[in-house]
Amino acid sequence: RLRSAPVTVRFVTNTTKESKRDLLERLTGLGFDIAEHEIFTSLTAARNLLEQQQVRPLLLVDDKALPDFRGIGTDNPNAVVVGLAPEHFHYEMMNRAFR
């Protein structure tokens, strides 16, 4: 019914553990009729903000989430993006983030 209604359909999630592409594959595998542009994640919001603010982030996100930041400059970071990534929460990385 939603597809035939005059509304925009979006699938929204706050997950930071997987890329939009991985999420799309999982949802289509479950039988959802969905396109990638219909998915909006917290990573999408973070990327949009990085682009608007023109900053270079240190990405403290799960490795599976990194594809959503492809093309974003990360040299000499002046911002930090934090997601659910326990493997990256160690002294060295946290020290880099605070610096």
N, C-alpha and C. Protein backbone atom coordinates (compact mmCIF):
# COMPACT_ATOMS: atom_id res chain seq x y z
N ARG A 1 0.82 -1.20 0.00
CA ARG A 1 0.00 0.00 0.00
C ARG A 1 0.85 1.26 0.00
N LEU A 2 1.95 1.24 0.76
CA LEU A 2 2.81 2.42 0.81
C LEU A 2 3.40 2.75 -0.56
N ARG A 3 3.79 1.73 -1.28
CA ARG A 3 4.40 1.97 -2.61
C ARG A 3 3.41 2.62 -3.56
N SER A 4 2.14 2.32 -3.42
CA SER A 4 1.15 2.91 -4.33
C SER A 4 0.61 4.24 -3.80
N ALA A 5 0.94 4.60 -2.57
CA ALA A 5 0.50 5.87 -1.99
C ALA A 5 1.43 7.01 -2.43
N PRO A 6 0.94 8.23 -2.41
CA PRO A 6 1.78 9.38 -2.81
C PRO A 6 2.70 9.83 -1.67
N VAL A 7 3.52 8.93 -1.19
CA VAL A 7 4.47 9.24 -0.11
C VAL A 7 5.84 8.70 -0.49
N THR A 8 6.85 9.28 0.10
CA THR A 8 8.21 8.79 -0.07
C THR A 8 8.45 7.70 0.97
N VAL A 9 8.98 6.58 0.52
CA VAL A 9 9.25 5.45 1.42
C VAL A 9 10.74 5.44 1.75
N ARG A 10 11.04 5.36 3.04
CA ARG A 10 12.43 5.25 3.51
C ARG A 10 12.49 4.19 4.61
N PHE A 11 13.59 3.48 4.65
CA PHE A 11 13.87 2.52 5.71
C PHE A 11 14.97 3.14 6.55
N VAL A 12 14.69 3.41 7.81
CA VAL A 12 15.59 4.15 8.68
C VAL A 12 16.08 3.26 9.81
N THR A 13 17.39 3.34 10.09
CA THR A 13 17.98 2.55 11.18
C THR A 13 19.09 3.35 11.83
N ASN A 14 19.39 3.02 13.07
CA ASN A 14 20.49 3.67 13.75
C ASN A 14 21.72 2.76 13.83
N THR A 15 21.74 1.69 13.06
CA THR A 15 22.88 0.78 13.09
C THR A 15 24.15 1.45 12.58
N THR A 16 25.26 1.12 13.23
CA THR A 16 26.57 1.60 12.76
C THR A 16 27.51 0.43 12.50
N LYS A 17 26.99 -0.79 12.55
CA LYS A 17 27.82 -1.99 12.42
C LYS A 17 27.97 -2.48 10.98
N GLU A 18 27.17 -1.99 10.07
CA GLU A 18 27.25 -2.49 8.70
C GLU A 18 26.97 -1.37 7.71
N SER A 19 27.51 -1.54 6.53
CA SER A 19 27.31 -0.54 5.48
C SER A 19 25.89 -0.63 4.94
N LYS A 20 25.51 0.41 4.24
CA LYS A 20 24.20 0.46 3.62
C LYS A 20 24.04 -0.71 2.63
N ARG A 21 25.11 -1.03 1.93
CA ARG A 21 25.08 -2.12 0.95
C ARG A 21 24.83 -3.47 1.64
N ASP A 22 25.51 -3.71 2.77
CA ASP A 22 25.29 -4.95 3.53
C ASP A 22 23.87 -5.03 4.05
N LEU A 23 23.36 -3.91 4.53
CA LEU A 23 22.00 -3.86 5.03
C LEU A 23 21.00 -4.13 3.90
N LEU A 24 21.25 -3.57 2.74
CA LEU A 24 20.40 -3.81 1.57
C LEU A 24 20.37 -5.30 1.23
N GLU A 25 21.52 -5.94 1.21
CA GLU A 25 21.58 -7.37 0.89
C GLU A 25 20.81 -8.19 1.91
N ARG A 26 20.93 -7.82 3.19
CA ARG A 26 20.23 -8.56 4.24
C ARG A 26 18.72 -8.38 4.10
N LEU A 27 18.26 -7.16 3.85
CA LEU A 27 16.83 -6.91 3.74
C LEU A 27 16.23 -7.53 2.49
N THR A 28 16.92 -7.46 1.37
CA THR A 28 16.39 -8.11 0.16
C THR A 28 16.39 -9.63 0.33
N GLY A 29 17.37 -10.15 1.06
CA GLY A 29 17.39 -11.58 1.36
C GLY A 29 16.21 -12.01 2.21
N LEU A 30 15.67 -11.08 2.99
CA LEU A 30 14.49 -11.37 3.80
C LEU A 30 13.19 -11.14 3.04
N GLY A 31 13.32 -10.73 1.76
CA GLY A 31 12.14 -10.56 0.92
C GLY A 31 11.63 -9.14 0.77
N PHE A 32 12.33 -8.17 1.32
CA PHE A 32 11.91 -6.78 1.17
C PHE A 32 12.19 -6.30 -0.25
N ASP A 33 11.25 -5.59 -0.82
CA ASP A 33 11.42 -4.93 -2.12
C ASP A 33 11.93 -3.54 -1.81
N ILE A 34 13.23 -3.36 -1.91
CA ILE A 34 13.86 -2.13 -1.42
C ILE A 34 15.03 -1.75 -2.32
N ALA A 35 15.25 -0.46 -2.47
CA ALA A 35 16.39 0.05 -3.23
C ALA A 35 17.36 0.72 -2.25
N GLU A 36 18.63 0.75 -2.61
CA GLU A 36 19.64 1.32 -1.71
C GLU A 36 19.34 2.77 -1.33
N HIS A 37 18.84 3.56 -2.28
CA HIS A 37 18.57 4.97 -1.98
C HIS A 37 17.42 5.15 -0.98
N GLU A 38 16.66 4.08 -0.71
CA GLU A 38 15.56 4.16 0.25
C GLU A 38 16.02 3.90 1.69
N ILE A 39 17.29 3.55 1.87
CA ILE A 39 17.82 3.26 3.19
C ILE A 39 18.53 4.51 3.72
N PHE A 40 18.18 4.89 4.94
CA PHE A 40 18.84 6.01 5.61
C PHE A 40 19.32 5.51 6.96
N THR A 41 20.64 5.57 7.19
CA THR A 41 21.22 5.08 8.43
C THR A 41 21.89 6.22 9.19
N SER A 42 22.30 5.92 10.40
CA SER A 42 23.06 6.93 11.15
C SER A 42 24.39 7.20 10.46
N LEU A 43 24.91 6.22 9.74
CA LEU A 43 26.15 6.44 8.97
C LEU A 43 25.88 7.40 7.81
N THR A 44 24.71 7.30 7.21
CA THR A 44 24.32 8.23 6.14
C THR A 44 24.29 9.65 6.70
N ALA A 45 23.67 9.81 7.87
CA ALA A 45 23.59 11.13 8.50
C ALA A 45 24.99 11.65 8.82
N ALA A 46 25.86 10.78 9.34
CA ALA A 46 27.23 11.19 9.66
C ALA A 46 27.97 11.62 8.41
N ARG A 47 27.85 10.85 7.35
CA ARG A 47 28.53 11.20 6.10
C ARG A 47 28.03 12.54 5.57
N ASN A 48 26.71 12.73 5.60
CA ASN A 48 26.15 14.00 5.14
C ASN A 48 26.71 15.18 5.93
N LEU A 49 26.81 15.02 7.23
CA LEU A 49 27.35 16.09 8.07
C LEU A 49 28.83 16.34 7.77
N LEU A 50 29.60 15.28 7.58
CA LEU A 50 31.02 15.43 7.23
C LEU A 50 31.18 16.23 5.94
N GLU A 51 30.34 15.90 4.96
CA GLU A 51 30.41 16.61 3.68
C GLU A 51 29.98 18.06 3.83
N GLN A 52 28.93 18.31 4.60
CA GLN A 52 28.46 19.69 4.80
C GLN A 52 29.49 20.54 5.52
N GLN A 53 30.11 19.96 6.54
CA GLN A 53 31.08 20.69 7.35
C GLN A 53 32.49 20.68 6.74
N GLN A 54 32.69 19.87 5.71
CA GLN A 54 33.98 19.74 5.01
C GLN A 54 35.11 19.44 5.99
N VAL A 55 34.90 18.39 6.81
CA VAL A 55 35.92 17.97 7.76
C VAL A 55 36.48 16.61 7.36
N ARG A 56 37.61 16.29 7.96
CA ARG A 56 38.31 15.03 7.70
C ARG A 56 38.27 14.19 8.97
N PRO A 57 37.48 13.12 8.97
CA PRO A 57 37.28 12.39 10.22
C PRO A 57 38.30 11.30 10.49
N LEU A 58 38.49 11.04 11.76
CA LEU A 58 39.06 9.78 12.23
C LEU A 58 37.84 8.89 12.41
N LEU A 59 37.80 7.77 11.71
CA LEU A 59 36.62 6.91 11.73
C LEU A 59 36.77 5.80 12.75
N LEU A 60 36.07 5.92 13.87
CA LEU A 60 36.03 4.87 14.88
C LEU A 60 34.74 4.08 14.66
N VAL A 61 34.71 3.36 13.55
CA VAL A 61 33.55 2.57 13.17
C VAL A 61 34.01 1.16 12.82
N ASP A 62 33.08 0.24 12.83
CA ASP A 62 33.37 -1.12 12.44
C ASP A 62 33.88 -1.16 11.00
N ASP A 63 34.79 -2.06 10.73
CA ASP A 63 35.36 -2.17 9.38
C ASP A 63 34.26 -2.40 8.32
N LYS A 64 33.18 -3.06 8.70
CA LYS A 64 32.08 -3.31 7.76
C LYS A 64 31.34 -2.03 7.40
N ALA A 65 31.51 -0.97 8.18
CA ALA A 65 30.84 0.30 7.94
C ALA A 65 31.67 1.24 7.05
N LEU A 66 32.94 0.93 6.89
CA LEU A 66 33.84 1.83 6.15
C LEU A 66 33.40 2.13 4.71
N PRO A 67 32.80 1.18 3.99
CA PRO A 67 32.37 1.52 2.62
C PRO A 67 31.44 2.73 2.54
N ASP A 68 30.70 3.01 3.59
CA ASP A 68 29.79 4.16 3.57
C ASP A 68 30.54 5.49 3.64
N PHE A 69 31.85 5.43 3.87
CA PHE A 69 32.66 6.65 3.95
C PHE A 69 33.67 6.73 2.80
N ARG A 70 33.52 5.86 1.82
CA ARG A 70 34.42 5.87 0.66
C ARG A 70 34.39 7.25 0.01
N GLY A 71 35.58 7.78 -0.26
CA GLY A 71 35.68 9.09 -0.89
C GLY A 71 35.80 10.25 0.09
N ILE A 72 35.61 9.99 1.36
CA ILE A 72 35.76 11.02 2.39
C ILE A 72 37.23 11.05 2.82
N GLY A 73 37.85 12.21 2.75
CA GLY A 73 39.25 12.35 3.15
C GLY A 73 39.43 12.14 4.64
N THR A 74 40.42 11.35 5.01
CA THR A 74 40.68 11.08 6.43
C THR A 74 42.12 11.42 6.83
N ASP A 75 42.87 12.03 5.90
CA ASP A 75 44.24 12.45 6.23
C ASP A 75 44.19 13.64 7.18
N ASN A 76 45.08 13.65 8.16
CA ASN A 76 45.16 14.75 9.12
C ASN A 76 43.77 15.09 9.68
N PRO A 77 43.13 14.15 10.38
CA PRO A 77 41.75 14.34 10.82
C PRO A 77 41.55 15.54 11.73
N ASN A 78 40.39 16.18 11.55
CA ASN A 78 40.00 17.29 12.42
C ASN A 78 38.60 17.07 12.99
N ALA A 79 38.15 15.82 12.95
CA ALA A 79 36.85 15.42 13.50
C ALA A 79 36.92 13.92 13.81
N VAL A 80 35.98 13.45 14.61
CA VAL A 80 35.93 12.04 14.97
C VAL A 80 34.50 11.54 14.78
N VAL A 81 34.36 10.39 14.11
CA VAL A 81 33.07 9.73 13.98
C VAL A 81 33.14 8.44 14.80
N VAL A 82 32.21 8.29 15.73
CA VAL A 82 32.21 7.13 16.62
C VAL A 82 30.99 6.27 16.35
N GLY A 83 31.23 4.99 16.11
CA GLY A 83 30.15 4.02 15.96
C GLY A 83 30.42 2.85 16.87
N LEU A 84 29.61 1.83 16.76
CA LEU A 84 29.80 0.62 17.55
C LEU A 84 30.95 -0.18 16.93
N ALA A 85 32.11 -0.08 17.56
CA ALA A 85 33.31 -0.73 17.03
C ALA A 85 34.25 -1.08 18.17
N PRO A 86 33.88 -2.05 19.01
CA PRO A 86 34.69 -2.36 20.19
C PRO A 86 36.15 -2.68 19.87
N GLU A 87 36.40 -3.25 18.70
CA GLU A 87 37.77 -3.60 18.34
C GLU A 87 38.66 -2.38 18.14
N HIS A 88 38.06 -1.21 17.97
CA HIS A 88 38.83 0.02 17.78
C HIS A 88 38.95 0.86 19.05
N PHE A 89 38.29 0.43 20.11
CA PHE A 89 38.33 1.19 21.36
C PHE A 89 39.45 0.65 22.24
N HIS A 90 40.64 1.11 21.94
CA HIS A 90 41.82 0.76 22.72
C HIS A 90 42.64 2.04 22.91
N TYR A 91 43.63 1.96 23.77
CA TYR A 91 44.37 3.16 24.18
C TYR A 91 44.91 3.94 22.98
N GLU A 92 45.56 3.27 22.06
CA GLU A 92 46.19 3.96 20.93
C GLU A 92 45.16 4.74 20.10
N MET A 93 44.03 4.08 19.79
CA MET A 93 43.03 4.74 18.96
C MET A 93 42.33 5.86 19.73
N MET A 94 42.03 5.63 20.99
CA MET A 94 41.39 6.68 21.78
C MET A 94 42.33 7.88 21.94
N ASN A 95 43.60 7.62 22.07
CA ASN A 95 44.59 8.70 22.17
C ASN A 95 44.60 9.52 20.88
N ARG A 96 44.56 8.84 19.74
CA ARG A 96 44.49 9.54 18.44
C ARG A 96 43.22 10.40 18.36
N ALA A 97 42.11 9.83 18.81
CA ALA A 97 40.84 10.56 18.75
C ALA A 97 40.88 11.82 19.60
N PHE A 98 41.42 11.71 20.79
CA PHE A 98 41.46 12.89 21.67
C PHE A 98 42.44 13.93 21.17
N ARG A 99 43.48 13.52 20.48
CA ARG A 99 44.44 14.49 19.94
C ARG A 99 43.85 15.22 18.76
